[in-house]
PDB file of N, CA and C in Angstrom:
ATOM      1  N   MET A   1      55.010   2.250   7.923  1.00  0.00           N
ATOM      2  CA  MET A   1      56.750   2.573   7.968  1.00  0.00           C
ATOM      3  C   MET A   1      57.191   3.566   8.170  1.00  0.00           C
ATOM      4  N   ASN A   2      56.381   4.780   8.360  1.00  0.00           N
ATOM      5  CA  ASN A   2      56.545   6.109   8.735  1.00  0.00           C
ATOM      6  C   ASN A   2      58.286   6.354   9.312  1.00  0.00           C
ATOM      7  N   PHE A   3      58.247   5.296  10.483  1.00  0.00           N
ATOM      8  CA  PHE A   3      59.752   5.563  11.304  1.00  0.00           C
ATOM      9  C   PHE A   3      60.854   5.762  10.020  1.00  0.00           C
ATOM     10  N   LEU A   4      61.004   5.253   8.939  1.00  0.00           N
ATOM     11  CA  LEU A   4      62.214   4.665   8.099  1.00  0.00           C
ATOM     12  C   LEU A   4      62.280   5.805   7.601  1.00  0.00           C
ATOM     13  N   GLN A   5      61.178   7.004   7.418  1.00  0.00           N
ATOM     14  CA  GLN A   5      61.617   8.075   6.948  1.00  0.00           C
ATOM     15  C   GLN A   5      62.815   9.079   7.089  1.00  0.00           C
ATOM     16  N   ASP A   6      62.658   8.814   8.607  1.00  0.00           N
ATOM     17  CA  ASP A   6      63.548   9.836   9.452  1.00  0.00           C
ATOM     18  C   ASP A   6      65.056   8.687   9.892  1.00  0.00           C
ATOM     19  N   CYS A   7      64.954   7.702   9.748  1.00  0.00           N
ATOM     20  CA  CYS A   7      66.118   6.741   9.918  1.00  0.00           C
ATOM     21  C   CYS A   7      67.321   6.538   8.863  1.00  0.00           C
ATOM     22  N   THR A   8      68.367   7.381   9.882  1.00  0.00           N
ATOM     23  CA  THR A   8      69.856   7.142   9.210  1.00  0.00           C
ATOM     24  C   THR A   8      69.904   5.883   8.498  1.00  0.00           C
ATOM     25  N   ALA A   9      71.166   5.740   8.191  1.00  0.00           N
ATOM     26  CA  ALA A   9      71.850   4.671   7.259  1.00  0.00           C
ATOM     27  C   ALA A   9      72.873   3.280   8.472  1.00  0.00           C
ATOM     28  N   ASP A  10      73.066   4.204   9.315  1.00  0.00           N
ATOM     29  CA  ASP A  10      73.245   3.214  10.527  1.00  0.00           C
ATOM     30  C   ASP A  10      72.234   2.570  11.332  1.00  0.00           C
ATOM     31  N   GLU A  11      70.955   4.124  11.896  1.00  0.00           N
ATOM     32  CA  GLU A  11      70.106   3.299  12.712  1.00  0.00           C
ATOM     33  C   GLU A  11      69.416   2.127  12.115  1.00  0.00           C
ATOM     34  N   PHE A  12      69.178   2.191  10.216  1.00  0.00           N
ATOM     35  CA  PHE A  12      68.475   1.689   9.474  1.00  0.00           C
ATOM     36  C   PHE A  12      69.402   0.008  10.005  1.00  0.00           C
ATOM     37  N   HIS A  13      70.491   0.324  10.021  1.00  0.00           N
ATOM     38  CA  HIS A  13      71.344  -0.938   9.769  1.00  0.00           C
ATOM     39  C   HIS A  13      71.191  -1.918  11.598  1.00  0.00           C
ATOM     40  N   THR A  14      71.266  -0.759  12.300  1.00  0.00           N
ATOM     41  CA  THR A  14      71.430  -1.348  13.691  1.00  0.00           C
ATOM     42  C   THR A  14      70.158  -2.115  14.092  1.00  0.00           C
ATOM     43  N   PHE A  15      68.941  -1.407  13.476  1.00  0.00           N
ATOM     44  CA  PHE A  15      67.512  -1.989  13.666  1.00  0.00           C
ATOM     45  C   PHE A  15      66.991  -3.728  12.765  1.00  0.00           C
ATOM     46  N   MET A  16      67.767  -3.550  11.727  1.00  0.00           N
ATOM     47  CA  MET A  16      68.082  -4.576  11.230  1.00  0.00           C
ATOM     48  C   MET A  16      68.770  -6.004  11.579  1.00  0.00           C
ATOM     49  N   THR A  17      69.554  -5.523  12.237  1.00  0.00           N
ATOM     50  CA  THR A  17      70.338  -6.544  13.052  1.00  0.00           C
ATOM     51  C   THR A  17      69.765  -7.028  14.199  1.00  0.00           C
ATOM     52  N   MET A  18      68.982  -6.000  14.860  1.00  0.00           N
ATOM     53  CA  MET A  18      68.125  -6.415  15.896  1.00  0.00           C
ATOM     54  C   MET A  18      66.965  -7.255  15.450  1.00  0.00           C
ATOM     55  N   LEU A  19      66.588  -6.868  14.120  1.00  0.00           N
ATOM     56  CA  LEU A  19      65.571  -7.842  13.711  1.00  0.00           C
ATOM     57  C   LEU A  19      65.977  -9.473  13.465  1.00  0.00           C
ATOM     58  N   GLY A  20      67.295  -9.546  12.662  1.00  0.00           N
ATOM     59  CA  GLY A  20      68.184 -10.478  12.968  1.00  0.00           C
ATOM     60  C   GLY A  20      68.052 -11.527  13.845  1.00  0.00           C
ATOM     61  N   MET A  21      68.210 -10.891  14.526  1.00  0.00           N
ATOM     62  CA  MET A  21      68.474 -11.832  16.137  1.00  0.00           C
ATOM     63  C   MET A  21      67.056 -12.299  16.690  1.00  0.00           C
ATOM     64  N   THR A  22      66.221 -12.039  16.115  1.00  0.00           N
ATOM     65  CA  THR A  22      64.615 -12.848  16.383  1.00  0.00           C
ATOM     66  C   THR A  22      64.271 -13.677  15.397  1.00  0.00           C
ATOM     67  N   ASN A  23      63.003 -14.127  15.654  1.00  0.00           N
ATOM     68  CA  ASN A  23      62.833 -15.369  14.742  1.00  0.00           C
ATOM     69  C   ASN A  23      61.960 -15.086  13.301  1.00  0.00           C
ATOM     70  N   VAL A  24      62.075 -13.865  12.778  1.00  0.00           N
ATOM     71  CA  VAL A  24      61.608 -12.892  12.062  1.00  0.00           C
ATOM     72  C   VAL A  24      62.476 -13.661  10.945  1.00  0.00           C
ATOM     73  N   PRO A  25      63.575 -13.583  10.682  1.00  0.00           N
ATOM     74  CA  PRO A  25      63.915 -13.777   9.446  1.00  0.00           C
ATOM     75  C   PRO A  25      64.460 -15.704   9.449  1.00  0.00           C
ATOM     76  N   LYS A  26      63.618 -16.176  10.147  1.00  0.00           N
ATOM     77  CA  LYS A  26      63.559 -17.686   9.925  1.00  0.00           C
ATOM     78  C   LYS A  26      62.078 -18.075   9.154  1.00  0.00           C
ATOM     79  N   SER A  27      61.725 -17.296   9.271  1.00  0.00           N
ATOM     80  CA  SER A  27      60.484 -17.451   7.975  1.00  0.00           C
ATOM     81  C   SER A  27      60.193 -17.394   6.792  1.00  0.00           C
ATOM     82  N   VAL A  28      59.749 -17.574   5.725  1.00  0.00           N
ATOM     83  CA  VAL A  28      59.718 -17.192   4.307  1.00  0.00           C
ATOM     84  C   VAL A  28      58.729 -15.934   4.946  1.00  0.00           C
ATOM     85  N   THR A  29      57.490 -15.678   5.526  1.00  0.00           N
ATOM     86  CA  THR A  29      57.099 -14.470   5.896  1.00  0.00           C
ATOM     87  C   THR A  29      57.632 -13.499   6.291  1.00  0.00           C
ATOM     88  N   GLY A  30      58.590 -13.767   7.415  1.00  0.00           N
ATOM     89  CA  GLY A  30      59.684 -12.728   7.791  1.00  0.00           C
ATOM     90  C   GLY A  30      60.449 -12.112   7.111  1.00  0.00           C
ATOM     91  N   GLN A  31      61.040 -12.928   6.037  1.00  0.00           N
ATOM     92  CA  GLN A  31      61.887 -12.794   4.803  1.00  0.00           C
ATOM     93  C   GLN A  31      61.755 -12.121   3.999  1.00  0.00           C
ATOM     94  N   ALA A  32      60.210 -12.023   4.011  1.00  0.00           N
ATOM     95  CA  ALA A  32      59.137 -11.121   3.032  1.00  0.00           C
ATOM     96  C   ALA A  32      59.066  -9.575   3.300  1.00  0.00           C
ATOM     97  N   GLN A  33      58.890  -9.954   4.944  1.00  0.00           N
ATOM     98  CA  GLN A  33      58.676  -8.722   5.553  1.00  0.00           C
ATOM     99  C   GLN A  33      60.067  -7.689   5.672  1.00  0.00           C
ATOM    100  N   LEU A  34      60.995  -8.394   5.837  1.00  0.00           N
ATOM    101  CA  LEU A  34      62.328  -7.552   5.581  1.00  0.00           C
ATOM    102  C   LEU A  34      62.756  -7.120   4.522  1.00  0.00           C
ATOM    103  N   ALA A  35      62.324  -7.946   3.597  1.00  0.00           N
ATOM    104  CA  ALA A  35      62.691  -7.431   2.194  1.00  0.00           C
ATOM    105  C   ALA A  35      61.963  -6.156   1.873  1.00  0.00           C
ATOM    106  N   ASP A  36      60.675  -5.781   2.229  1.00  0.00           N
ATOM    107  CA  ASP A  36      59.964  -4.689   2.268  1.00  0.00           C
ATOM    108  C   ASP A  36      60.384  -3.792   2.764  1.00  0.00           C
ATOM    109  N   LEU A  37      60.981  -4.258   3.896  1.00  0.00           N
ATOM    110  CA  LEU A  37      61.105  -2.814   4.745  1.00  0.00           C
ATOM    111  C   LEU A  37      62.386  -2.321   3.589  1.00  0.00           C
ATOM    112  N   VAL A  38      63.448  -3.250   3.481  1.00  0.00           N
ATOM    113  CA  VAL A  38      64.585  -2.699   2.630  1.00  0.00           C
ATOM    114  C   VAL A  38      64.141  -2.274   1.604  1.00  0.00           C
ATOM    115  N   MET A  39      62.972  -2.336   1.127  1.00  0.00           N
ATOM    116  CA  MET A  39      62.870  -1.877  -0.458  1.00  0.00           C
ATOM    117  C   MET A  39      62.029  -0.107   0.090  1.00  0.00           C
ATOM    118  N   THR A  40      61.746  -0.435   1.068  1.00  0.00           N
ATOM    119  CA  THR A  40      60.967   0.779   1.880  1.00  0.00           C
ATOM    120  C   THR A  40      62.188   1.845   1.951  1.00  0.00           C
ATOM    121  N   MET A  41      63.386   1.400   2.454  1.00  0.00           N
ATOM    122  CA  MET A  41      64.560   2.421   3.072  1.00  0.00           C
ATOM    123  C   MET A  41      65.323   2.670   1.843  1.00  0.00           C
ATOM    124  N   ALA A  42      65.253   1.990   0.607  1.00  0.00           N
ATOM    125  CA  ALA A  42      65.754   2.389  -0.883  1.00  0.00           C
ATOM    126  C   ALA A  42      65.203   2.602  -1.426  1.00  0.00           C
ATOM    127  N   GLU A  43      63.639   3.229  -0.973  1.00  0.00           N
ATOM    128  CA  GLU A  43      62.862   3.914  -1.663  1.00  0.00           C
ATOM    129  C   GLU A  43      62.744   3.739  -3.401  1.00  0.00           C
ATOM    130  N   LEU A  44      62.578   2.601  -3.134  1.00  0.00           N
ATOM    131  CA  LEU A  44      62.212   1.824  -4.700  1.00  0.00           C
ATOM    132  C   LEU A  44      60.887   2.381  -5.310  1.00  0.00           C
ATOM    133  N   ASP A  45      60.351   3.115  -4.660  1.00  0.00           N
ATOM    134  CA  ASP A  45      58.599   3.260  -4.882  1.00  0.00           C
ATOM    135  C   ASP A  45      58.957   4.400  -5.832  1.00  0.00           C
ATOM    136  N   LYS A  46      60.536   5.434  -5.958  1.00  0.00           N
ATOM    137  CA  LYS A  46      60.514   6.932  -6.848  1.00  0.00           C
ATOM    138  C   LYS A  46      61.387   6.572  -7.389  1.00  0.00           C
ATOM    139  N   PRO A  47      61.428   7.015  -8.432  1.00  0.00           N
ATOM    140  CA  PRO A  47      62.645   7.350  -9.678  1.00  0.00           C
ATOM    141  C   PRO A  47      63.661   7.356  -9.101  1.00  0.00           C
ATOM    142  N   PHE A  48      64.936   6.732  -9.716  1.00  0.00           N
ATOM    143  CA  PHE A  48      65.916   6.474  -8.893  1.00  0.00           C
ATOM    144  C   PHE A  48      66.764   7.669  -9.613  1.00  0.00           C
ATOM    145  N   ASN A  49      67.432   8.438  -8.091  1.00  0.00           N
ATOM    146  CA  ASN A  49      68.380   9.455  -9.276  1.00  0.00           C
ATOM    147  C   ASN A  49      69.828   9.586  -8.916  1.00  0.00           C
ATOM    148  N   PHE A  50      70.541   8.986 -10.130  1.00  0.00           N
ATOM    149  CA  PHE A  50      71.420   8.385  -9.835  1.00  0.00           C
ATOM    150  C   PHE A  50      72.852   9.433  -9.813  1.00  0.00           C
ATOM    151  N   THR A  51      72.241  10.815 -10.306  1.00  0.00           N
ATOM    152  CA  THR A  51      72.926  11.722  -9.825  1.00  0.00           C
ATOM    153  C   THR A  51      73.357  12.001  -8.538  1.00  0.00           C
ATOM    154  N   SER A  52      72.452  11.862  -8.046  1.00  0.00           N
ATOM    155  CA  SER A  52      72.423  12.207  -6.249  1.00  0.00           C
ATOM    156  C   SER A  52      73.181  11.263  -5.554  1.00  0.00           C
ATOM    157  N   PRO A  53      74.414  11.695  -4.668  1.00  0.00           N
ATOM    158  CA  PRO A  53      75.332  10.734  -4.267  1.00  0.00           C
ATOM    159  C   PRO A  53      74.054  10.209  -2.638  1.00  0.00           C
ATOM    160  N   GLU A  54      73.592  10.609  -2.742  1.00  0.00           N
ATOM    161  CA  GLU A  54      72.834  10.333  -0.771  1.00  0.00           C
ATOM    162  C   GLU A  54      71.831   9.563  -1.706  1.00  0.00           C
ATOM    163  N   SER A  55      71.311   9.106  -2.947  1.00  0.00           N
ATOM    164  CA  SER A  55      70.387   8.352  -3.122  1.00  0.00           C
ATOM    165  C   SER A  55      71.475   6.982  -3.429  1.00  0.00           C
ATOM    166  N   VAL A  56      72.333   7.031  -4.072  1.00  0.00           N
ATOM    167  CA  VAL A  56      73.468   5.971  -4.526  1.00  0.00           C
ATOM    168  C   VAL A  56      73.747   5.775  -3.072  1.00  0.00           C
ATOM    169  N   ASP A  57      74.075   6.292  -2.421  1.00  0.00           N
ATOM    170  CA  ASP A  57      74.544   5.989  -0.744  1.00  0.00           C
ATOM    171  C   ASP A  57      73.573   4.878  -0.215  1.00  0.00           C
ATOM    172  N   ARG A  58      72.614   5.986  -0.206  1.00  0.00           N
ATOM    173  CA  ARG A  58      70.894   5.042   0.107  1.00  0.00           C
ATOM    174  C   ARG A  58      70.806   3.589  -0.310  1.00  0.00           C
ATOM    175  N   LEU A  59      70.987   3.417  -2.048  1.00  0.00           N
ATOM    176  CA  LEU A  59      70.602   1.725  -2.398  1.00  0.00           C
ATOM    177  C   LEU A  59      71.713   0.827  -1.740  1.00  0.00           C
ATOM    178  N   ILE A  60      73.195   1.786  -2.083  1.00  0.00           N
ATOM    179  CA  ILE A  60      74.392   0.451  -1.592  1.00  0.00           C
ATOM    180  C   ILE A  60      74.289   0.263   0.024  1.00  0.00           C
ATOM    181  N   GLN A  61      73.974   1.308   0.543  1.00  0.00           N
ATOM    182  CA  GLN A  61      73.486   1.011   2.335  1.00  0.00           C
ATOM    183  C   GLN A  61      72.718  -0.104   2.770  1.00  0.00           C
ATOM    184  N   THR A  62      71.139  -0.005   2.198  1.00  0.00           N
ATOM    185  CA  THR A  62      70.440  -0.800   2.289  1.00  0.00           C
ATOM    186  C   THR A  62      70.254  -2.143   0.762  1.00  0.00           C
ATOM    187  N   GLY A  63      71.244  -2.129   0.177  1.00  0.00           N
ATOM    188  CA  GLY A  63      71.416  -3.673  -0.288  1.00  0.00           C
ATOM    189  C   GLY A  63      72.360  -4.186   0.057  1.00  0.00           C
ATOM    190  N   ASN A  64      73.420  -3.775   0.781  1.00  0.00           N
ATOM    191  CA  ASN A  64      74.656  -4.103   1.785  1.00  0.00           C
ATOM    192  C   ASN A  64      73.827  -4.757   3.122  1.00  0.00           C
ATOM    193  N   THR A  65      72.977  -3.650   3.658  1.00  0.00           N
ATOM    194  CA  THR A  65      72.305  -4.668   4.611  1.00  0.00           C
ATOM    195  C   THR A  65      71.173  -5.739   4.540  1.00  0.00           C
ATOM    196  N   ALA A  66      70.658  -5.675   2.863  1.00  0.00           N
ATOM    197  CA  ALA A  66      69.629  -6.911   2.999  1.00  0.00           C
ATOM    198  C   ALA A  66      70.760  -8.288   2.472  1.00  0.00           C
ATOM    199  N   LEU A  67      71.531  -8.147   1.908  1.00  0.00           N
ATOM    200  CA  LEU A  67      72.877  -9.132   1.412  1.00  0.00           C
ATOM    201  C   LEU A  67      72.560 -10.593   2.498  1.00  0.00           C
ATOM    202  N   SER A  68      72.410  -9.616   3.869  1.00  0.00           N
ATOM    203  CA  SER A  68      72.747 -11.188   5.091  1.00  0.00           C
ATOM    204  C   SER A  68      71.350 -12.272   5.145  1.00  0.00           C
ATOM    205  N   TYR A  69      70.400 -11.607   4.305  1.00  0.00           N
ATOM    206  CA  TYR A  69      68.781 -11.580   4.733  1.00  0.00           C
ATOM    207  C   TYR A  69      68.695 -12.491   3.409  1.00  0.00           C
ATOM    208  N   PHE A  70      69.885 -13.215   2.664  1.00  0.00           N
ATOM    209  CA  PHE A  70      69.334 -13.861   1.105  1.00  0.00           C
ATOM    210  C   PHE A  70      70.267 -14.787   0.875  1.00  0.00           C
ATOM    211  N   SER A  71      70.128 -15.535   0.492  1.00  0.00           N
ATOM    212  CA  SER A  71      70.796 -16.927   0.061  1.00  0.00           C
ATOM    213  C   SER A  71      70.432 -17.393  -1.084  1.00  0.00           C
ATOM    214  N   VAL A  72      71.523 -17.521  -1.638  1.00  0.00           N
ATOM    215  CA  VAL A  72      71.228 -18.530  -2.933  1.00  0.00           C
ATOM    216  C   VAL A  72      71.488 -20.158  -2.739  1.00  0.00           C
ATOM    217  N   SER A  73      70.846 -20.848  -3.070  1.00  0.00           N
ATOM    218  CA  SER A  73      70.888 -22.271  -2.896  1.00  0.00           C
ATOM    219  C   SER A  73      70.819 -22.846  -4.099  1.00  0.00           C
ATOM    220  N   LYS A  74      71.744 -23.726  -3.987  1.00  0.00           N
ATOM    221  CA  LYS A  74      72.396 -24.528  -5.092  1.00  0.00           C
ATOM    222  C   LYS A  74      71.278 -26.110  -5.488  1.00  0.00           C
ATOM    223  N   GLN A  75      71.040 -26.173  -6.200  1.00  0.00           N
ATOM    224  CA  GLN A  75      70.671 -27.617  -6.761  1.00  0.00           C
ATOM    225  C   GLN A  75      70.678 -28.526  -7.902  1.00  0.00           C
TER     226      GLN A  75
END
């Protein structure tokens, strides 16, 4: 997923929107792949620098993008 390193927030949002129009989010495997993309873009594998506006914005933008792919089921 090297392409995500140079991806802007707008490009990531556009990319995720395009993926959302495919069959990918309709399966559990596809949803897991989308979650992996979001985690990669959010750089969750690195220590979070809460004093960096760029890090905070990246986390907020990727989180907001991911919200549309997750739902809460009531049982």
